[in-house]
Amino acid sequence: MPYRHANYFVGFVLLTIIIGFWGSYFTPIARVPLAFHVHAFTAMAWVILLMFQHWSIHGRRNALHKKVGLLSLGLFPFLIVGFVMIINVAAARFVSSDSATTQFLTPSFGLSMVFAIVAYLALFYLALRNRRNVRLHAGYMLATPLVLFESPFSRIMLDHLPFLVFTGTGFPQRILDAIVISMAMAAVFALVMYARDRKTGTPFLLAAGLILLQAVTMYVGTSIEWVRSGFAAYAAIPDWVTLVVGFALGAAAAWLGWKAPSSRKPGPAVEAPAIA
C-alpha cells in the first residue's frame, strides 16, 4: 500500500488544529457561535476519518475500509457547509463592524475560504473518480488536510513561533503574512511530495497549485475594491441559501465522483514513497 507513513503527517495536522485553536475555540468552547462548532467538528472528523482509513487499508481490512469510506460521502457535504458557515459569520462581521482590523482582514478571509472549498471539491471528486487507482486515490485524499493546515499553523506561528513571520510588518498585516507563509509551507510540502513521485504525484501538484492560488488571492484581495464590495453583497444573501448551495456542491462532488467512470481498472498495489 502507498504512503505507509501518512498517519504521521495526518496526525500532525490534527495536533496542529488542536494547538492552533486551543485558545480561540477549545478554551471558550461554550461561548463560540454554532458555525465554529460545525466547522470544527466536520473538519476534525474528516482528519480522523483519513487516519482511520489509512489504518484500515494498511491493516488489510479492505471490507472495513470500503464501509467507512462510504461515510465520507455523507460527511463531505457537511464539511463544505462548515466552511460556508464560517464565510457567513465573516461576512456578517464585515458589514456590521467598524473595526479597522475587521474591515481589512475579513474580505481576504472570505476569499480564502472560497478557494478552500474549491480545493476540497476538486480533490475529493478526483479521489472518488480514481478510487480504483490506489496511488492516485490515496494521494488525493491525503492532499485534503493540507487545505486545513494554514489557519491553525498561522496561529501557532503568531503565538509561539513569531520568528517564522519574517516579514517584519505590524498588526493587522502581520496576521495576513502569517497565513500566507503557512500556506506557502503547505504548498512546498506538496511540491516535495510531487517531486518524489512525479508519475502519480499529480494530487499533490494540484493541491500545491490551489494553495498557492489561494495564498496570492488572499494576500492581494484585501486591497481590491470589487472583492470588498462583493463580500458585502454576499452578506446580503440569506444564510439558508448559501448553506443549501454549499451542501449541494458537496453532495454533487461526492455523487459525480462516485458515479464517474474509473480512469483505471483495479490492479495490484504498488509501493509509493512514504509521506512523512
Protein backbone atom coordinates (compact mmCIF):
# COMPACT_ATOMS: atom_id res chain seq x y z
CA MET A 1 0.00 0.00 0.00
CA PRO A 2 1.28 3.53 -0.79
CA TYR A 3 2.10 6.28 1.73
CA ARG A 4 2.76 3.87 4.58
CA HIS A 5 3.78 6.68 6.97
CA ALA A 6 0.90 9.01 6.07
CA ASN A 7 -0.69 8.86 9.51
CA TYR A 8 2.28 10.73 10.98
CA PHE A 9 1.50 13.59 8.61
CA VAL A 10 -2.27 13.49 9.15
CA GLY A 11 -1.78 13.18 12.91
CA PHE A 12 0.49 16.22 12.82
CA VAL A 13 -2.25 18.20 11.07
CA LEU A 14 -4.75 17.09 13.73
CA LEU A 15 -2.37 18.12 16.52
CA THR A 16 -1.79 21.45 14.76
CA ILE A 17 -5.55 22.06 14.66
CA ILE A 18 -5.91 21.36 18.38
CA ILE A 19 -2.95 23.52 19.42
CA GLY A 20 -3.71 26.30 16.96
CA PHE A 21 -7.33 26.68 18.02
CA TRP A 22 -6.89 25.85 21.70
CA GLY A 23 -7.13 29.43 22.88
CA SER A 24 -9.70 30.73 20.42
CA TYR A 25 -12.03 27.71 20.22
CA PHE A 26 -11.43 24.88 22.69
CA THR A 27 -10.96 27.02 25.80
CA PRO A 28 -14.08 29.21 25.26
CA ILE A 29 -15.96 26.39 23.51
CA ALA A 30 -19.25 27.07 25.32
CA ARG A 31 -19.35 30.66 24.08
CA VAL A 32 -18.43 30.36 20.41
CA PRO A 33 -21.07 30.59 17.64
CA LEU A 34 -22.65 27.47 16.16
CA ALA A 35 -20.80 27.96 12.87
CA PHE A 36 -17.46 27.30 14.57
CA HIS A 37 -18.78 24.10 16.17
CA VAL A 38 -19.97 22.76 12.81
CA HIS A 39 -16.71 23.70 11.10
CA ALA A 40 -14.55 22.27 13.90
CA PHE A 41 -16.50 19.02 14.17
CA THR A 42 -16.64 18.31 10.44
CA ALA A 43 -13.00 19.29 9.80
CA MET A 44 -11.66 17.18 12.68
CA ALA A 45 -13.97 14.31 11.77
CA TRP A 46 -12.55 14.43 8.26
CA VAL A 47 -8.97 14.26 9.50
CA ILE A 48 -9.78 11.42 11.91
CA LEU A 49 -11.56 9.55 9.11
CA LEU A 50 -8.42 9.81 6.99
CA MET A 51 -6.34 8.37 9.82
CA PHE A 52 -8.80 5.52 10.30
CA GLN A 53 -8.85 4.75 6.59
CA HIS A 54 -5.06 4.68 6.47
CA TRP A 55 -5.03 2.25 9.41
CA SER A 56 -7.72 0.03 7.91
CA ILE A 57 -6.25 -0.32 4.42
CA HIS A 58 -2.69 -0.83 5.67
CA GLY A 59 -4.02 -3.48 8.04
CA ARG A 60 -5.59 -5.27 5.07
CA ARG A 61 -9.06 -4.60 6.46
CA ASN A 62 -10.39 -3.91 2.98
CA ALA A 63 -14.07 -4.55 3.73
CA LEU A 64 -13.97 -2.18 6.71
CA HIS A 65 -12.12 0.40 4.61
CA LYS A 66 -14.87 0.33 1.98
CA LYS A 67 -17.68 0.59 4.53
CA VAL A 68 -16.12 3.51 6.37
CA GLY A 69 -15.26 5.10 3.04
CA LEU A 70 -18.96 5.35 2.32
CA LEU A 71 -19.26 7.58 5.40
CA SER A 72 -17.11 10.16 3.64
CA LEU A 73 -19.88 10.58 1.07
CA GLY A 74 -22.23 11.66 3.84
CA LEU A 75 -19.68 13.71 5.78
CA PHE A 76 -18.32 15.68 2.85
CA PRO A 77 -21.37 17.90 2.16
CA PHE A 78 -21.42 18.91 5.82
CA LEU A 79 -17.69 19.67 5.66
CA ILE A 80 -18.45 22.15 2.88
CA VAL A 81 -21.39 23.54 4.87
CA GLY A 82 -18.99 24.17 7.76
CA PHE A 83 -16.76 26.26 5.50
CA VAL A 84 -19.77 28.20 4.20
CA MET A 85 -20.96 28.91 7.75
CA ILE A 86 -17.58 30.45 8.59
CA ILE A 87 -17.79 32.62 5.46
CA ASN A 88 -21.26 33.74 6.54
CA VAL A 89 -20.03 34.73 10.01
CA ALA A 90 -17.12 36.66 8.49
CA ALA A 91 -19.42 38.44 6.02
CA ALA A 92 -21.85 39.44 8.78
CA ARG A 93 -18.99 40.86 10.82
CA PHE A 94 -17.66 42.74 7.80
CA VAL A 95 -20.89 44.67 7.21
CA SER A 96 -21.73 45.25 10.88
CA SER A 97 -18.36 46.21 12.35
CA ASP A 98 -16.45 49.46 12.05
CA SER A 99 -13.26 47.82 13.30
CA ALA A 100 -10.33 48.62 11.04
CA THR A 101 -8.97 45.12 11.56
CA THR A 102 -12.26 43.51 10.56
CA GLN A 103 -12.58 45.73 7.50
CA PHE A 104 -9.02 44.90 6.46
CA LEU A 105 -8.91 41.15 7.03
CA THR A 106 -12.37 39.64 6.57
CA PRO A 107 -12.70 40.04 2.76
CA SER A 108 -9.43 38.13 2.34
CA PHE A 109 -10.58 35.51 4.85
CA GLY A 110 -13.80 35.03 2.89
CA LEU A 111 -11.94 34.74 -0.39
CA SER A 112 -9.53 32.25 1.16
CA MET A 113 -12.41 30.08 2.35
CA VAL A 114 -13.93 30.09 -1.13
CA PHE A 115 -10.68 28.73 -2.56
CA ALA A 116 -10.53 26.18 0.27
CA ILE A 117 -13.97 24.96 -0.78
CA VAL A 118 -12.89 24.76 -4.43
CA ALA A 119 -9.81 22.78 -3.41
CA TYR A 120 -11.83 20.32 -1.35
CA LEU A 121 -14.41 19.84 -4.08
CA ALA A 122 -11.73 19.14 -6.68
CA LEU A 123 -9.59 16.86 -4.53
CA PHE A 124 -12.47 14.76 -3.21
CA TYR A 125 -14.11 14.42 -6.61
CA LEU A 126 -10.83 13.21 -8.10
CA ALA A 127 -10.18 10.89 -5.15
CA LEU A 128 -13.51 9.17 -5.78
CA ARG A 129 -13.07 9.13 -9.54
CA ASN A 130 -9.68 7.45 -9.11
CA ARG A 131 -10.63 5.15 -6.23
CA ARG A 132 -9.55 2.08 -8.23
CA ASN A 133 -6.09 3.55 -8.69
CA VAL A 134 -4.51 3.07 -5.28
CA ARG A 135 -1.81 5.71 -5.57
CA LEU A 136 -3.99 8.44 -7.04
CA HIS A 137 -6.90 7.79 -4.69
CA ALA A 138 -4.65 7.88 -1.63
CA GLY A 139 -2.83 10.94 -2.93
CA TYR A 140 -5.96 12.99 -3.49
CA MET A 141 -7.38 12.07 -0.09
CA LEU A 142 -4.11 12.76 1.72
CA ALA A 143 -3.79 16.14 -0.01
CA THR A 144 -7.01 17.39 1.59
CA PRO A 145 -5.55 18.05 5.09
CA LEU A 146 -3.10 20.49 3.51
CA VAL A 147 -6.06 22.81 2.89
CA LEU A 148 -6.77 22.84 6.65
CA PHE A 149 -3.18 23.41 7.71
CA GLU A 150 -2.73 27.13 7.16
CA SER A 151 -5.26 28.52 9.61
CA PRO A 152 -4.17 26.71 12.79
CA PHE A 153 -0.47 26.79 11.99
CA SER A 154 -0.54 30.53 11.31
CA ARG A 155 -1.97 30.97 14.81
CA ILE A 156 0.80 28.82 16.25
CA MET A 157 3.37 30.96 14.46
CA LEU A 158 1.86 34.19 15.78
CA ASP A 159 1.54 32.90 19.35
CA HIS A 160 4.57 30.62 19.78
CA LEU A 161 6.89 30.86 16.75
CA PRO A 162 6.94 34.57 15.86
CA PHE A 163 10.35 34.30 14.18
CA LEU A 164 8.70 32.39 11.33
CA VAL A 165 6.72 35.51 10.43
CA PHE A 166 9.82 37.12 8.97
CA THR A 167 8.16 39.99 7.10
CA GLY A 168 8.55 42.46 9.95
CA THR A 169 5.13 44.02 9.36
CA GLY A 170 2.82 45.23 12.09
CA PHE A 171 -0.73 44.35 13.07
CA PRO A 172 -3.05 43.54 11.27
CA GLN A 173 -0.88 42.93 8.18
CA ARG A 174 1.18 40.52 10.27
CA ILE A 175 -1.83 38.21 10.61
CA LEU A 176 -2.23 38.08 6.83
CA ASP A 177 1.51 37.49 6.40
CA ALA A 178 1.44 34.56 8.85
CA ILE A 179 -1.43 32.92 6.99
CA VAL A 180 0.24 33.30 3.60
CA ILE A 181 3.56 31.97 4.95
CA SER A 182 1.70 28.97 6.38
CA MET A 183 0.07 28.38 3.00
CA ALA A 184 3.48 28.56 1.34
CA MET A 185 4.79 25.89 3.72
CA ALA A 186 1.89 23.60 2.84
CA ALA A 187 2.48 24.21 -0.88
CA VAL A 188 6.20 23.46 -0.58
CA PHE A 189 5.42 20.20 1.22
CA ALA A 190 3.01 19.26 -1.57
CA LEU A 191 5.59 20.08 -4.23
CA VAL A 192 8.18 17.93 -2.45
CA MET A 193 5.72 15.04 -2.45
CA TYR A 194 5.12 15.55 -6.15
CA ALA A 195 8.85 15.70 -6.91
CA ARG A 196 9.37 12.38 -5.15
CA ASP A 197 6.85 10.63 -7.38
CA ARG A 198 6.04 12.63 -10.49
CA LYS A 199 4.32 9.75 -12.21
CA THR A 200 1.48 9.52 -9.69
CA GLY A 201 2.13 12.63 -7.59
CA THR A 202 -0.42 14.71 -9.52
CA PRO A 203 -2.71 15.07 -6.47
CA PHE A 204 -0.02 16.96 -4.59
CA LEU A 205 0.85 19.11 -7.61
CA LEU A 206 -2.81 20.08 -7.88
CA ALA A 207 -3.01 20.79 -4.16
CA ALA A 208 0.11 22.97 -4.34
CA GLY A 209 -1.32 24.95 -7.25
CA LEU A 210 -4.64 25.52 -5.50
CA ILE A 211 -2.99 26.52 -2.23
CA LEU A 212 -0.63 28.96 -3.98
CA LEU A 213 -3.57 30.48 -5.85
CA GLN A 214 -5.40 30.76 -2.54
CA ALA A 215 -2.39 32.48 -0.97
CA VAL A 216 -1.98 35.03 -3.75
CA THR A 217 -5.65 35.95 -3.92
CA MET A 218 -5.89 36.21 -0.15
CA TYR A 219 -2.85 38.46 0.05
CA VAL A 220 -3.98 40.90 -2.63
CA GLY A 221 -7.74 40.55 -2.09
CA THR A 222 -7.93 42.93 0.83
CA SER A 223 -6.79 45.82 -1.39
CA ILE A 224 -9.13 45.07 -4.33
CA GLU A 225 -12.34 47.05 -4.16
CA TRP A 226 -14.50 44.58 -6.07
CA VAL A 227 -13.55 41.87 -3.59
CA ARG A 228 -14.67 44.09 -0.73
CA SER A 229 -17.90 45.13 -2.43
CA GLY A 230 -18.56 41.54 -3.49
CA PHE A 231 -18.13 40.33 0.07
CA ALA A 232 -20.58 42.98 1.28
CA ALA A 233 -23.07 41.85 -1.39
CA TYR A 234 -22.59 38.24 -0.30
CA ALA A 235 -23.54 39.23 3.25
CA ALA A 236 -26.98 40.25 1.99
CA ILE A 237 -27.75 36.72 0.77
CA PRO A 238 -29.85 34.77 3.29
CA ASP A 239 -27.77 32.21 5.17
CA TRP A 240 -30.09 29.37 4.25
CA VAL A 241 -29.47 29.98 0.56
CA THR A 242 -25.68 29.82 0.89
CA LEU A 243 -25.91 26.74 3.12
CA VAL A 244 -28.13 24.91 0.64
CA VAL A 245 -25.73 25.80 -2.19
CA GLY A 246 -22.75 24.62 -0.11
CA PHE A 247 -24.45 21.34 0.74
CA ALA A 248 -25.47 20.84 -2.90
CA LEU A 249 -21.91 21.44 -4.12
CA GLY A 250 -20.53 18.93 -1.62
CA ALA A 251 -23.18 16.36 -2.46
CA ALA A 252 -22.65 16.87 -6.19
CA ALA A 253 -18.88 16.39 -5.90
CA ALA A 254 -19.42 13.19 -3.93
CA TRP A 255 -22.10 11.85 -6.26
CA LEU A 256 -20.34 12.74 -9.51
CA GLY A 257 -17.03 11.39 -8.23
CA TRP A 258 -18.64 8.14 -7.15
CA LYS A 259 -20.55 7.69 -10.40
CA ALA A 260 -17.73 8.80 -12.71
CA PRO A 261 -16.18 6.00 -14.75
CA SER A 262 -12.93 4.89 -13.22
CA SER A 263 -9.84 6.15 -15.01
CA ARG A 264 -8.13 2.82 -14.44
CA LYS A 265 -9.14 -0.75 -13.80
CA PRO A 266 -8.16 -2.33 -10.49
CA GLY A 267 -4.62 -3.54 -10.37
CA PRO A 268 -2.08 -4.73 -7.88
CA ALA A 269 -0.98 -2.22 -5.28
CA VAL A 270 2.39 -0.64 -5.95
CA GLU A 271 4.54 0.91 -3.28
CA ALA A 272 4.75 4.71 -3.33
CA PRO A 273 7.05 6.99 -1.37
CA ALA A 274 6.35 7.46 2.32
CA ILE A 275 4.61 10.71 3.09
CA ALA A 276 6.45 11.52 6.28
